[in-house]
Amino acid sequence: MVRIQGLDEYDRLDALMRRLAGEHGLRLDVTGWTRKTYDVYLPTVHGKVGPLIARVESFATTNGEVVVFDDRAMEFAAAVGAGLEAEFGIAEAVVVRRPRPV
């Protein structure tokens, strides 16, 4: 029998984050290679980047943590949490409210 390799967890997380950011009209910046950081911003207005409103680290595939810096990200964070639970078998995703980094 031939086994065909599917997407790995990093590719699945990438796809989830890109899809949800697009659905919510948010800008997504991805940094890193083996340990990625997904920074989520409000859309660019008049050439200025919107504020950072949420962050997801690649280890969210195991701990289910979504960090929110602004209440405007709560709907997006809930969608990411639900996606993490469904896609990665997380028992309960957690949305953590933190002050915006300087």
Protein backbone atom coordinates (compact mmCIF):
# COMPACT_ATOMS: atom_id res chain seq x y z
CA MET A 1 0.00 0.00 0.00
CA VAL A 2 1.24 3.49 -0.83
CA ARG A 3 0.91 6.17 1.81
CA ILE A 4 0.75 9.76 0.62
CA GLN A 5 2.04 12.37 3.00
CA GLY A 6 -0.40 15.15 3.80
CA LEU A 7 0.29 18.62 5.11
CA ASP A 8 2.35 18.83 8.28
CA GLU A 9 1.10 20.74 11.33
CA TYR A 10 2.98 23.93 10.34
CA ASP A 11 1.33 23.99 6.92
CA ARG A 12 -2.08 23.30 8.47
CA LEU A 13 -1.60 26.15 10.96
CA ASP A 14 -0.44 28.46 8.15
CA ALA A 15 -3.55 27.63 6.13
CA LEU A 16 -5.84 28.14 9.13
CA MET A 17 -4.32 31.50 10.07
CA ARG A 18 -4.31 32.83 6.49
CA ARG A 19 -7.91 31.74 5.91
CA LEU A 20 -9.23 33.28 9.14
CA ALA A 21 -7.29 36.53 8.73
CA GLY A 22 -8.73 36.87 5.24
CA GLU A 23 -12.27 36.09 6.38
CA HIS A 24 -12.02 38.75 9.11
CA GLY A 25 -10.38 41.35 6.85
CA LEU A 26 -7.19 41.45 8.92
CA ARG A 27 -3.55 41.70 7.90
CA LEU A 28 -1.32 38.76 8.82
CA ASP A 29 2.47 38.91 9.16
CA VAL A 30 4.31 35.62 9.61
CA THR A 31 7.87 35.54 10.95
CA GLY A 32 10.16 32.65 11.74
CA TRP A 33 10.79 29.32 10.14
CA THR A 34 10.65 26.43 12.60
CA ARG A 35 8.95 28.45 15.34
CA LYS A 36 6.61 30.85 13.62
CA THR A 37 4.88 33.91 15.00
CA TYR A 38 1.62 35.05 13.44
CA ASP A 39 1.03 38.75 14.13
CA VAL A 40 -2.44 40.01 13.29
CA TYR A 41 -3.09 43.67 12.50
CA LEU A 42 -6.09 45.75 11.62
CA PRO A 43 -6.05 46.62 7.92
CA THR A 44 -3.75 49.30 6.54
CA VAL A 45 -5.45 52.69 6.31
CA HIS A 46 -4.05 55.63 4.33
CA GLY A 47 -0.70 53.87 3.96
CA LYS A 48 -0.31 53.27 7.69
CA VAL A 49 -0.25 49.78 9.16
CA GLY A 50 -3.09 49.21 11.57
CA PRO A 51 -2.37 48.33 15.21
CA LEU A 52 -1.26 44.87 16.33
CA ILE A 53 -4.36 43.21 17.79
CA ALA A 54 -3.44 39.52 18.23
CA ARG A 55 -0.58 37.03 18.11
CA VAL A 56 -0.43 33.26 17.71
CA GLU A 57 2.77 31.26 18.11
CA SER A 58 3.30 27.96 16.30
CA PHE A 59 3.19 26.07 19.61
CA ALA A 60 -0.53 26.91 19.70
CA THR A 61 -0.96 23.57 17.92
CA THR A 62 -0.23 21.93 21.29
CA ASN A 63 -1.30 24.50 23.93
CA GLY A 64 -4.16 26.22 22.09
CA GLU A 65 -3.11 29.71 23.17
CA VAL A 66 -4.24 32.82 21.28
CA VAL A 67 -2.96 36.16 22.61
CA VAL A 68 -5.18 39.22 22.20
CA PHE A 69 -3.93 42.80 22.59
CA ASP A 70 -7.13 44.58 21.58
CA ASP A 71 -10.81 43.76 22.08
CA ARG A 72 -11.39 44.16 18.33
CA ALA A 73 -9.58 40.81 17.92
CA MET A 74 -11.93 38.80 20.12
CA GLU A 75 -14.12 37.46 17.30
CA PHE A 76 -11.01 36.47 15.32
CA ALA A 77 -9.44 34.87 18.42
CA ALA A 78 -12.57 32.81 19.06
CA ALA A 79 -12.48 31.57 15.45
CA VAL A 80 -8.79 30.67 15.76
CA GLY A 81 -9.47 28.83 19.03
CA ALA A 82 -12.28 26.85 17.42
CA GLY A 83 -10.01 26.06 14.48
CA LEU A 84 -7.22 24.87 16.78
CA GLU A 85 -9.65 22.63 18.64
CA ALA A 86 -11.02 21.13 15.43
CA GLU A 87 -7.79 20.85 13.43
CA PHE A 88 -5.28 19.88 16.12
CA GLY A 89 -7.40 18.08 18.71
CA ILE A 90 -6.88 20.74 21.38
CA ALA A 91 -9.27 20.00 24.24
CA GLU A 92 -9.84 23.67 25.03
CA ALA A 93 -8.18 26.64 23.35
CA VAL A 94 -7.38 29.63 25.55
CA VAL A 95 -7.62 33.32 24.68
CA VAL A 96 -5.16 35.33 26.78
CA ARG A 97 -5.53 39.12 27.11
CA ARG A 98 -2.20 40.96 27.35
CA PRO A 99 -1.06 44.56 26.94
CA ARG A 100 0.27 45.39 23.49
CA PRO A 101 4.05 44.91 23.29
CA VAL A 102 6.14 48.05 22.95
